Amino acid sequence: MSPPTALSNWRMMQHVTYLADHLSSLRLEIAHLQNMNTHYAKKNEHSPLDESALEMRTVRLLQIKKELANMLLRPNNPKVWWEKLPKPRIV
């Protein structure tokens, strides 16, 4: 196995940056959904629109949970895992 080149290191760092940014945005989205759910829970009566919004938030939280779980299930071959990430655009 050959040693990593500067280009491959740069690409790996781009992917790590992408993952960090993506995790940060998911964290913000989760916080927003939780705040909306707290607001919903404080109300005594709920309109059909409120109920629908709650269901959509619940579905989105489950999607995020699955996405995070899939991030943990990477193949043994790191090359395969890295290739599934979006390719960085070189400007």
PDB file of N, CA and C in Angstrom:
ATOM      1  N   MET A   1       0.843  -1.185   0.000  1.00  0.00           N
ATOM      2  CA  MET A   1       0.000   0.000   0.000  1.00  0.00           C
ATOM      3  C   MET A   1       0.881   1.238   0.000  1.00  0.00           C
ATOM      4  N   SER A   2       0.626   2.151  -0.900  1.00  0.00           N
ATOM      5  CA  SER A   2       1.454   3.349  -1.012  1.00  0.00           C
ATOM      6  C   SER A   2       1.040   4.377   0.033  1.00  0.00           C
ATOM      7  N   PRO A   3       1.990   5.247   0.419  1.00  0.00           N
ATOM      8  CA  PRO A   3       1.659   6.270   1.416  1.00  0.00           C
ATOM      9  C   PRO A   3       0.684   7.288   0.811  1.00  0.00           C
ATOM     10  N   PRO A   4      -0.143   7.910   1.654  1.00  0.00           N
ATOM     11  CA  PRO A   4      -1.091   8.888   1.139  1.00  0.00           C
ATOM     12  C   PRO A   4      -0.369  10.089   0.530  1.00  0.00           C
ATOM     13  N   THR A   5      -0.916  10.571  -0.531  1.00  0.00           N
ATOM     14  CA  THR A   5      -0.350  11.751  -1.181  1.00  0.00           C
ATOM     15  C   THR A   5      -1.007  12.995  -0.612  1.00  0.00           C
ATOM     16  N   ALA A   6      -0.424  14.141  -0.937  1.00  0.00           N
ATOM     17  CA  ALA A   6      -1.000  15.405  -0.473  1.00  0.00           C
ATOM     18  C   ALA A   6      -2.416  15.577  -1.023  1.00  0.00           C
ATOM     19  N   LEU A   7      -2.621  15.167  -2.267  1.00  0.00           N
ATOM     20  CA  LEU A   7      -3.943  15.297  -2.870  1.00  0.00           C
ATOM     21  C   LEU A   7      -4.968  14.409  -2.164  1.00  0.00           C
ATOM     22  N   SER A   8      -4.596  13.176  -1.854  1.00  0.00           N
ATOM     23  CA  SER A   8      -5.545  12.295  -1.169  1.00  0.00           C
ATOM     24  C   SER A   8      -5.825  12.800   0.245  1.00  0.00           C
ATOM     25  N   ASN A   9      -4.811  13.353   0.905  1.00  0.00           N
ATOM     26  CA  ASN A   9      -5.027  13.951   2.230  1.00  0.00           C
ATOM     27  C   ASN A   9      -5.972  15.139   2.136  1.00  0.00           C
ATOM     28  N   TRP A  10      -5.790  15.965   1.106  1.00  0.00           N
ATOM     29  CA  TRP A  10      -6.651  17.126   0.910  1.00  0.00           C
ATOM     30  C   TRP A  10      -8.088  16.680   0.687  1.00  0.00           C
ATOM     31  N   ARG A  11      -8.266  15.652  -0.150  1.00  0.00           N
ATOM     32  CA  ARG A  11      -9.616  15.138  -0.412  1.00  0.00           C
ATOM     33  C   ARG A  11     -10.262  14.612   0.862  1.00  0.00           C
ATOM     34  N   MET A  12      -9.488  13.889   1.659  1.00  0.00           N
ATOM     35  CA  MET A  12     -10.018  13.341   2.901  1.00  0.00           C
ATOM     36  C   MET A  12     -10.449  14.475   3.833  1.00  0.00           C
ATOM     37  N   MET A  13      -9.636  15.531   3.909  1.00  0.00           N
ATOM     38  CA  MET A  13      -9.982  16.665   4.765  1.00  0.00           C
ATOM     39  C   MET A  13     -11.234  17.366   4.264  1.00  0.00           C
ATOM     40  N   GLN A  14     -11.441  17.402   2.951  1.00  0.00           N
ATOM     41  CA  GLN A  14     -12.658  17.992   2.392  1.00  0.00           C
ATOM     42  C   GLN A  14     -13.875  17.194   2.852  1.00  0.00           C
ATOM     43  N   HIS A  15     -13.759  15.875   2.846  1.00  0.00           N
ATOM     44  CA  HIS A  15     -14.859  15.018   3.276  1.00  0.00           C
ATOM     45  C   HIS A  15     -15.120  15.183   4.772  1.00  0.00           C
ATOM     46  N   VAL A  16     -14.051  15.293   5.550  1.00  0.00           N
ATOM     47  CA  VAL A  16     -14.216  15.482   6.985  1.00  0.00           C
ATOM     48  C   VAL A  16     -14.912  16.821   7.243  1.00  0.00           C
ATOM     49  N   THR A  17     -14.527  17.850   6.505  1.00  0.00           N
ATOM     50  CA  THR A  17     -15.169  19.160   6.640  1.00  0.00           C
ATOM     51  C   THR A  17     -16.637  19.065   6.264  1.00  0.00           C
ATOM     52  N   TYR A  18     -16.936  18.360   5.177  1.00  0.00           N
ATOM     53  CA  TYR A  18     -18.326  18.167   4.762  1.00  0.00           C
ATOM     54  C   TYR A  18     -19.112  17.482   5.871  1.00  0.00           C
ATOM     55  N   LEU A  19     -18.555  16.415   6.438  1.00  0.00           N
ATOM     56  CA  LEU A  19     -19.255  15.688   7.498  1.00  0.00           C
ATOM     57  C   LEU A  19     -19.494  16.572   8.719  1.00  0.00           C
ATOM     58  N   ALA A  20     -18.490  17.342   9.109  1.00  0.00           N
ATOM     59  CA  ALA A  20     -18.637  18.230  10.265  1.00  0.00           C
ATOM     60  C   ALA A  20     -19.727  19.265  10.008  1.00  0.00           C
ATOM     61  N   ASP A  21     -19.732  19.846   8.819  1.00  0.00           N
ATOM     62  CA  ASP A  21     -20.763  20.832   8.470  1.00  0.00           C
ATOM     63  C   ASP A  21     -22.148  20.191   8.448  1.00  0.00           C
ATOM     64  N   HIS A  22     -22.216  18.997   7.885  1.00  0.00           N
ATOM     65  CA  HIS A  22     -23.503  18.304   7.798  1.00  0.00           C
ATOM     66  C   HIS A  22     -24.026  17.950   9.196  1.00  0.00           C
ATOM     67  N   LEU A  23     -23.150  17.464  10.054  1.00  0.00           N
ATOM     68  CA  LEU A  23     -23.559  17.136  11.422  1.00  0.00           C
ATOM     69  C   LEU A  23     -24.010  18.394  12.170  1.00  0.00           C
ATOM     70  N   SER A  24     -23.327  19.494  11.936  1.00  0.00           N
ATOM     71  CA  SER A  24     -23.703  20.750  12.573  1.00  0.00           C
ATOM     72  C   SER A  24     -25.089  21.208  12.121  1.00  0.00           C
ATOM     73  N   SER A  25     -25.358  21.090  10.827  1.00  0.00           N
ATOM     74  CA  SER A  25     -26.676  21.497  10.329  1.00  0.00           C
ATOM     75  C   SER A  25     -27.771  20.566  10.853  1.00  0.00           C
ATOM     76  N   LEU A  26     -27.475  19.284  10.973  1.00  0.00           N
ATOM     77  CA  LEU A  26     -28.449  18.355  11.549  1.00  0.00           C
ATOM     78  C   LEU A  26     -28.724  18.694  13.010  1.00  0.00           C
ATOM     79  N   ARG A  27     -27.686  19.057  13.737  1.00  0.00           N
ATOM     80  CA  ARG A  27     -27.843  19.430  15.144  1.00  0.00           C
ATOM     81  C   ARG A  27     -28.762  20.647  15.274  1.00  0.00           C
ATOM     82  N   LEU A  28     -28.561  21.644  14.388  1.00  0.00           N
ATOM     83  CA  LEU A  28     -29.426  22.827  14.408  1.00  0.00           C
ATOM     84  C   LEU A  28     -30.868  22.470  14.052  1.00  0.00           C
ATOM     85  N   GLU A  29     -31.033  21.607  13.070  1.00  0.00           N
ATOM     86  CA  GLU A  29     -32.377  21.195  12.667  1.00  0.00           C
ATOM     87  C   GLU A  29     -33.081  20.444  13.787  1.00  0.00           C
ATOM     88  N   ILE A  30     -32.365  19.565  14.475  1.00  0.00           N
ATOM     89  CA  ILE A  30     -32.942  18.824  15.598  1.00  0.00           C
ATOM     90  C   ILE A  30     -33.381  19.798  16.693  1.00  0.00           C
ATOM     91  N   ALA A  31     -32.548  20.777  17.004  1.00  0.00           N
ATOM     92  CA  ALA A  31     -32.886  21.760  18.039  1.00  0.00           C
ATOM     93  C   ALA A  31     -34.145  22.533  17.643  1.00  0.00           C
ATOM     94  N   HIS A  32     -34.239  22.914  16.379  1.00  0.00           N
ATOM     95  CA  HIS A  32     -35.419  23.637  15.905  1.00  0.00           C
ATOM     96  C   HIS A  32     -36.670  22.760  16.024  1.00  0.00           C
ATOM     97  N   LEU A  33     -36.575  21.513  15.604  1.00  0.00           N
ATOM     98  CA  LEU A  33     -37.716  20.601  15.697  1.00  0.00           C
ATOM     99  C   LEU A  33     -38.128  20.381  17.154  1.00  0.00           C
ATOM    100  N   GLN A  34     -37.148  20.266  18.033  1.00  0.00           N
ATOM    101  CA  GLN A  34     -37.458  20.087  19.453  1.00  0.00           C
ATOM    102  C   GLN A  34     -38.155  21.326  20.017  1.00  0.00           C
ATOM    103  N   ASN A  35     -37.691  22.511  19.613  1.00  0.00           N
ATOM    104  CA  ASN A  35     -38.341  23.744  20.067  1.00  0.00           C
ATOM    105  C   ASN A  35     -39.786  23.818  19.578  1.00  0.00           C
ATOM    106  N   MET A  36     -40.001  23.426  18.333  1.00  0.00           N
ATOM    107  CA  MET A  36     -41.360  23.428  17.786  1.00  0.00           C
ATOM    108  C   MET A  36     -42.247  22.420  18.527  1.00  0.00           C
ATOM    109  N   ASN A  37     -41.688  21.273  18.880  1.00  0.00           N
ATOM    110  CA  ASN A  37     -42.447  20.267  19.627  1.00  0.00           C
ATOM    111  C   ASN A  37     -42.769  20.756  21.040  1.00  0.00           C
ATOM    112  N   THR A  38     -41.851  21.486  21.661  1.00  0.00           N
ATOM    113  CA  THR A  38     -42.088  22.062  22.985  1.00  0.00           C
ATOM    114  C   THR A  38     -43.216  23.085  22.909  1.00  0.00           C
ATOM    115  N   HIS A  39     -43.177  23.915  21.878  1.00  0.00           N
ATOM    116  CA  HIS A  39     -44.233  24.905  21.667  1.00  0.00           C
ATOM    117  C   HIS A  39     -45.582  24.208  21.488  1.00  0.00           C
ATOM    118  N   TYR A  40     -45.587  23.141  20.712  1.00  0.00           N
ATOM    119  CA  TYR A  40     -46.812  22.357  20.482  1.00  0.00           C
ATOM    120  C   TYR A  40     -47.345  21.791  21.806  1.00  0.00           C
ATOM    121  N   ALA A  41     -46.453  21.263  22.631  1.00  0.00           N
ATOM    122  CA  ALA A  41     -46.856  20.624  23.886  1.00  0.00           C
ATOM    123  C   ALA A  41     -47.450  21.632  24.876  1.00  0.00           C
ATOM    124  N   LYS A  42     -47.057  22.893  24.788  1.00  0.00           N
ATOM    125  CA  LYS A  42     -47.557  23.923  25.700  1.00  0.00           C
ATOM    126  C   LYS A  42     -48.977  24.375  25.350  1.00  0.00           C
ATOM    127  N   LYS A  43     -49.398  24.110  24.124  1.00  0.00           N
ATOM    128  CA  LYS A  43     -50.744  24.520  23.713  1.00  0.00           C
ATOM    129  C   LYS A  43     -51.778  23.532  24.254  1.00  0.00           C
ATOM    130  N   ASN A  44     -52.937  24.062  24.639  1.00  0.00           N
ATOM    131  CA  ASN A  44     -54.014  23.212  25.150  1.00  0.00           C
ATOM    132  C   ASN A  44     -54.820  22.578  24.027  1.00  0.00           C
ATOM    133  N   GLU A  45     -55.016  23.322  22.954  1.00  0.00           N
ATOM    134  CA  GLU A  45     -55.790  22.813  21.819  1.00  0.00           C
ATOM    135  C   GLU A  45     -54.921  22.836  20.570  1.00  0.00           C
ATOM    136  N   HIS A  46     -55.161  21.857  19.707  1.00  0.00           N
ATOM    137  CA  HIS A  46     -54.358  21.736  18.492  1.00  0.00           C
ATOM    138  C   HIS A  46     -55.267  21.671  17.272  1.00  0.00           C
ATOM    139  N   SER A  47     -54.956  22.505  16.299  1.00  0.00           N
ATOM    140  CA  SER A  47     -55.714  22.497  15.049  1.00  0.00           C
ATOM    141  C   SER A  47     -55.237  21.335  14.179  1.00  0.00           C
ATOM    142  N   PRO A  48     -55.988  21.013  13.140  1.00  0.00           N
ATOM    143  CA  PRO A  48     -55.512  19.975  12.209  1.00  0.00           C
ATOM    144  C   PRO A  48     -54.148  20.328  11.607  1.00  0.00           C
ATOM    145  N   LEU A  49     -53.910  21.607  11.400  1.00  0.00           N
ATOM    146  CA  LEU A  49     -52.605  22.035  10.881  1.00  0.00           C
ATOM    147  C   LEU A  49     -51.497  21.746  11.898  1.00  0.00           C
ATOM    148  N   ASP A  50     -51.780  22.012  13.176  1.00  0.00           N
ATOM    149  CA  ASP A  50     -50.808  21.702  14.240  1.00  0.00           C
ATOM    150  C   ASP A  50     -50.500  20.209  14.272  1.00  0.00           C
ATOM    151  N   GLU A  51     -51.532  19.391  14.159  1.00  0.00           N
ATOM    152  CA  GLU A  51     -51.359  17.928  14.182  1.00  0.00           C
ATOM    153  C   GLU A  51     -50.522  17.460  12.991  1.00  0.00           C
ATOM    154  N   SER A  52     -50.810  18.034  11.838  1.00  0.00           N
ATOM    155  CA  SER A  52     -50.061  17.676  10.631  1.00  0.00           C
ATOM    156  C   SER A  52     -48.591  18.077  10.757  1.00  0.00           C
ATOM    157  N   ALA A  53     -48.352  19.278  11.293  1.00  0.00           N
ATOM    158  CA  ALA A  53     -46.977  19.745  11.476  1.00  0.00           C
ATOM    159  C   ALA A  53     -46.224  18.852  12.461  1.00  0.00           C
ATOM    160  N   LEU A  54     -46.908  18.421  13.522  1.00  0.00           N
ATOM    161  CA  LEU A  54     -46.286  17.510  14.490  1.00  0.00           C
ATOM    162  C   LEU A  54     -45.889  16.212  13.807  1.00  0.00           C
ATOM    163  N   GLU A  55     -46.782  15.683  12.985  1.00  0.00           N
ATOM    164  CA  GLU A  55     -46.481  14.434  12.279  1.00  0.00           C
ATOM    165  C   GLU A  55     -45.278  14.611  11.345  1.00  0.00           C
ATOM    166  N   MET A  56     -45.218  15.736  10.657  1.00  0.00           N
ATOM    167  CA  MET A  56     -44.087  15.989   9.755  1.00  0.00           C
ATOM    168  C   MET A  56     -42.785  16.112  10.530  1.00  0.00           C
ATOM    169  N   ARG A  57     -42.826  16.770  11.695  1.00  0.00           N
ATOM    170  CA  ARG A  57     -41.618  16.881  12.520  1.00  0.00           C
ATOM    171  C   ARG A  57     -41.175  15.512  13.019  1.00  0.00           C
ATOM    172  N   THR A  58     -42.130  14.685  13.408  1.00  0.00           N
ATOM    173  CA  THR A  58     -41.821  13.333  13.884  1.00  0.00           C
ATOM    174  C   THR A  58     -41.160  12.515  12.781  1.00  0.00           C
ATOM    175  N   VAL A  59     -41.713  12.607  11.578  1.00  0.00           N
ATOM    176  CA  VAL A  59     -41.139  11.882  10.436  1.00  0.00           C
ATOM    177  C   VAL A  59     -39.724  12.378  10.157  1.00  0.00           C
ATOM    178  N   ARG A  60     -39.530  13.701  10.200  1.00  0.00           N
ATOM    179  CA  ARG A  60     -38.193  14.244   9.920  1.00  0.00           C
ATOM    180  C   ARG A  60     -37.187  13.808  10.976  1.00  0.00           C
ATOM    181  N   LEU A  61     -37.588  13.795  12.239  1.00  0.00           N
ATOM    182  CA  LEU A  61     -36.676  13.333  13.290  1.00  0.00           C
ATOM    183  C   LEU A  61     -36.292  11.875  13.075  1.00  0.00           C
ATOM    184  N   LEU A  62     -37.230  11.056  12.643  1.00  0.00           N
ATOM    185  CA  LEU A  62     -36.913   9.652  12.357  1.00  0.00           C
ATOM    186  C   LEU A  62     -35.965   9.540  11.165  1.00  0.00           C
ATOM    187  N   GLN A  63     -36.147  10.392  10.145  1.00  0.00           N
ATOM    188  CA  GLN A  63     -35.235  10.394   8.996  1.00  0.00           C
ATOM    189  C   GLN A  63     -33.816  10.764   9.433  1.00  0.00           C
ATOM    190  N   ILE A  64     -33.715  11.763  10.292  1.00  0.00           N
ATOM    191  CA  ILE A  64     -32.398  12.180  10.790  1.00  0.00           C
ATOM    192  C   ILE A  64     -31.767  11.045  11.587  1.00  0.00           C
ATOM    193  N   LYS A  65     -32.561  10.380  12.423  1.00  0.00           N
ATOM    194  CA  LYS A  65     -32.052   9.258  13.223  1.00  0.00           C
ATOM    195  C   LYS A  65     -31.490   8.162  12.320  1.00  0.00           C
ATOM    196  N   LYS A  66     -32.236   7.831  11.242  1.00  0.00           N
ATOM    197  CA  LYS A  66     -31.756   6.811  10.300  1.00  0.00           C
ATOM    198  C   LYS A  66     -30.486   7.267   9.595  1.00  0.00           C
ATOM    199  N   GLU A  67     -30.444   8.530   9.206  1.00  0.00           N
ATOM    200  CA  GLU A  67     -29.258   9.054   8.525  1.00  0.00           C
ATOM    201  C   GLU A  67     -28.030   8.968   9.419  1.00  0.00           C
ATOM    202  N   LEU A  68     -28.186   9.334  10.678  1.00  0.00           N
ATOM    203  CA  LEU A  68     -27.060   9.250  11.617  1.00  0.00           C
ATOM    204  C   LEU A  68     -26.639   7.804  11.847  1.00  0.00           C
ATOM    205  N   ALA A  69     -27.604   6.899  11.930  1.00  0.00           N
ATOM    206  CA  ALA A  69     -27.283   5.480  12.106  1.00  0.00           C
ATOM    207  C   ALA A  69     -26.532   4.957  10.885  1.00  0.00           C
ATOM    208  N   ASN A  70     -26.946   5.372   9.690  1.00  0.00           N
ATOM    209  CA  ASN A  70     -26.259   4.931   8.468  1.00  0.00           C
ATOM    210  C   ASN A  70     -24.837   5.467   8.388  1.00  0.00           C
ATOM    211  N   MET A  71     -24.599   6.622   8.970  1.00  0.00           N
ATOM    212  CA  MET A  71     -23.236   7.175   8.974  1.00  0.00           C
ATOM    213  C   MET A  71     -22.295   6.292   9.791  1.00  0.00           C
ATOM    214  N   LEU A  72     -22.839   5.612  10.784  1.00  0.00           N
ATOM    215  CA  LEU A  72     -22.020   4.722  11.614  1.00  0.00           C
ATOM    216  C   LEU A  72     -21.735   3.391  10.928  1.00  0.00           C
ATOM    217  N   LEU A  73     -22.587   2.999   9.988  1.00  0.00           N
ATOM    218  CA  LEU A  73     -22.447   1.712   9.314  1.00  0.00           C
ATOM    219  C   LEU A  73     -21.622   1.866   8.042  1.00  0.00           C
ATOM    220  N   ARG A  74     -20.351   2.078   8.201  1.00  0.00           N
ATOM    221  CA  ARG A  74     -19.513   2.205   7.016  1.00  0.00           C
ATOM    222  C   ARG A  74     -18.846   0.865   6.724  1.00  0.00           C
ATOM    223  N   PRO A  75     -18.565   0.609   5.455  1.00  0.00           N
ATOM    224  CA  PRO A  75     -17.913  -0.651   5.105  1.00  0.00           C
ATOM    225  C   PRO A  75     -16.504  -0.737   5.687  1.00  0.00           C
ATOM    226  N   ASN A  76     -15.970  -1.946   5.713  1.00  0.00           N
ATOM    227  CA  ASN A  76     -14.611  -2.145   6.221  1.00  0.00           C
ATOM    228  C   ASN A  76     -13.581  -1.436   5.356  1.00  0.00           C
ATOM    229  N   ASN A  77     -13.866  -1.334   4.076  1.00  0.00           N
ATOM    230  CA  ASN A  77     -12.951  -0.680   3.153  1.00  0.00           C
ATOM    231  C   ASN A  77     -13.227   0.825   3.160  1.00  0.00           C
ATOM    232  N   PRO A  78     -12.325   1.648   3.743  1.00  0.00           N
ATOM    233  CA  PRO A  78     -12.587   3.080   3.825  1.00  0.00           C
ATOM    234  C   PRO A  78     -12.750   3.733   2.455  1.00  0.00           C
ATOM    235  N   LYS A  79     -12.095   3.174   1.439  1.00  0.00           N
ATOM    236  CA  LYS A  79     -12.206   3.763   0.103  1.00  0.00           C
ATOM    237  C   LYS A  79     -13.658   3.735  -0.365  1.00  0.00           C
ATOM    238  N   VAL A  80     -14.364   2.656  -0.105  1.00  0.00           N
ATOM    239  CA  VAL A  80     -15.767   2.546  -0.492  1.00  0.00           C
ATOM    240  C   VAL A  80     -16.592   3.592   0.253  1.00  0.00           C
ATOM    241  N   TRP A  81     -16.304   3.755   1.560  1.00  0.00           N
ATOM    242  CA  TRP A  81     -17.056   4.704   2.372  1.00  0.00           C
ATOM    243  C   TRP A  81     -16.848   6.123   1.860  1.00  0.00           C
ATOM    244  N   TRP A  82     -15.601   6.493   1.586  1.00  0.00           N
ATOM    245  CA  TRP A  82     -15.320   7.855   1.119  1.00  0.00           C
ATOM    246  C   TRP A  82     -15.933   8.108  -0.244  1.00  0.00           C
ATOM    247  N   GLU A  83     -15.998   7.093  -1.092  1.00  0.00           N
ATOM    248  CA  GLU A  83     -16.528   7.288  -2.433  1.00  0.00           C
ATOM    249  C   GLU A  83     -18.023   7.563  -2.434  1.00  0.00           C
ATOM    250  N   LYS A  84     -18.728   7.241  -1.352  1.00  0.00           N
ATOM    251  CA  LYS A  84     -20.158   7.504  -1.288  1.00  0.00           C
ATOM    252  C   LYS A  84     -20.465   8.964  -0.990  1.00  0.00           C
ATOM    253  N   LEU A  85     -19.471   9.715  -0.520  1.00  0.00           N
ATOM    254  CA  LEU A  85     -19.685  11.128  -0.212  1.00  0.00           C
ATOM    255  C   LEU A  85     -19.679  11.947  -1.493  1.00  0.00           C
ATOM    256  N   PRO A  86     -20.320  13.108  -1.471  1.00  0.00           N
ATOM    257  CA  PRO A  86     -20.301  13.959  -2.659  1.00  0.00           C
ATOM    258  C   PRO A  86     -18.871  14.368  -2.998  1.00  0.00           C
ATOM    259  N   LYS A  87     -18.576  14.415  -4.257  1.00  0.00           N
ATOM    260  CA  LYS A  87     -17.240  14.790  -4.712  1.00  0.00           C
ATOM    261  C   LYS A  87     -17.067  16.295  -4.577  1.00  0.00           C
ATOM    262  N   PRO A  88     -15.952  16.757  -3.998  1.00  0.00           N
ATOM    263  CA  PRO A  88     -15.727  18.191  -3.898  1.00  0.00           C
ATOM    264  C   PRO A  88     -15.486  18.801  -5.282  1.00  0.00           C
ATOM    265  N   ARG A  89     -16.006  19.978  -5.458  1.00  0.00           N
ATOM    266  CA  ARG A  89     -15.792  20.681  -6.729  1.00  0.00           C
ATOM    267  C   ARG A  89     -14.513  21.493  -6.611  1.00  0.00           C
ATOM    268  N   ILE A  90     -13.618  21.306  -7.550  1.00  0.00           N
ATOM    269  CA  ILE A  90     -12.360  22.054  -7.560  1.00  0.00           C
ATOM    270  C   ILE A  90     -12.576  23.293  -8.405  1.00  0.00           C
ATOM    271  N   VAL A  91     -12.353  24.447  -7.772  1.00  0.00           N
ATOM    272  CA  VAL A  91     -12.584  25.713  -8.465  1.00  0.00           C
ATOM    273  C   VAL A  91     -11.284  26.326  -8.894  1.00  0.00           C
TER     274      VAL A  91
END
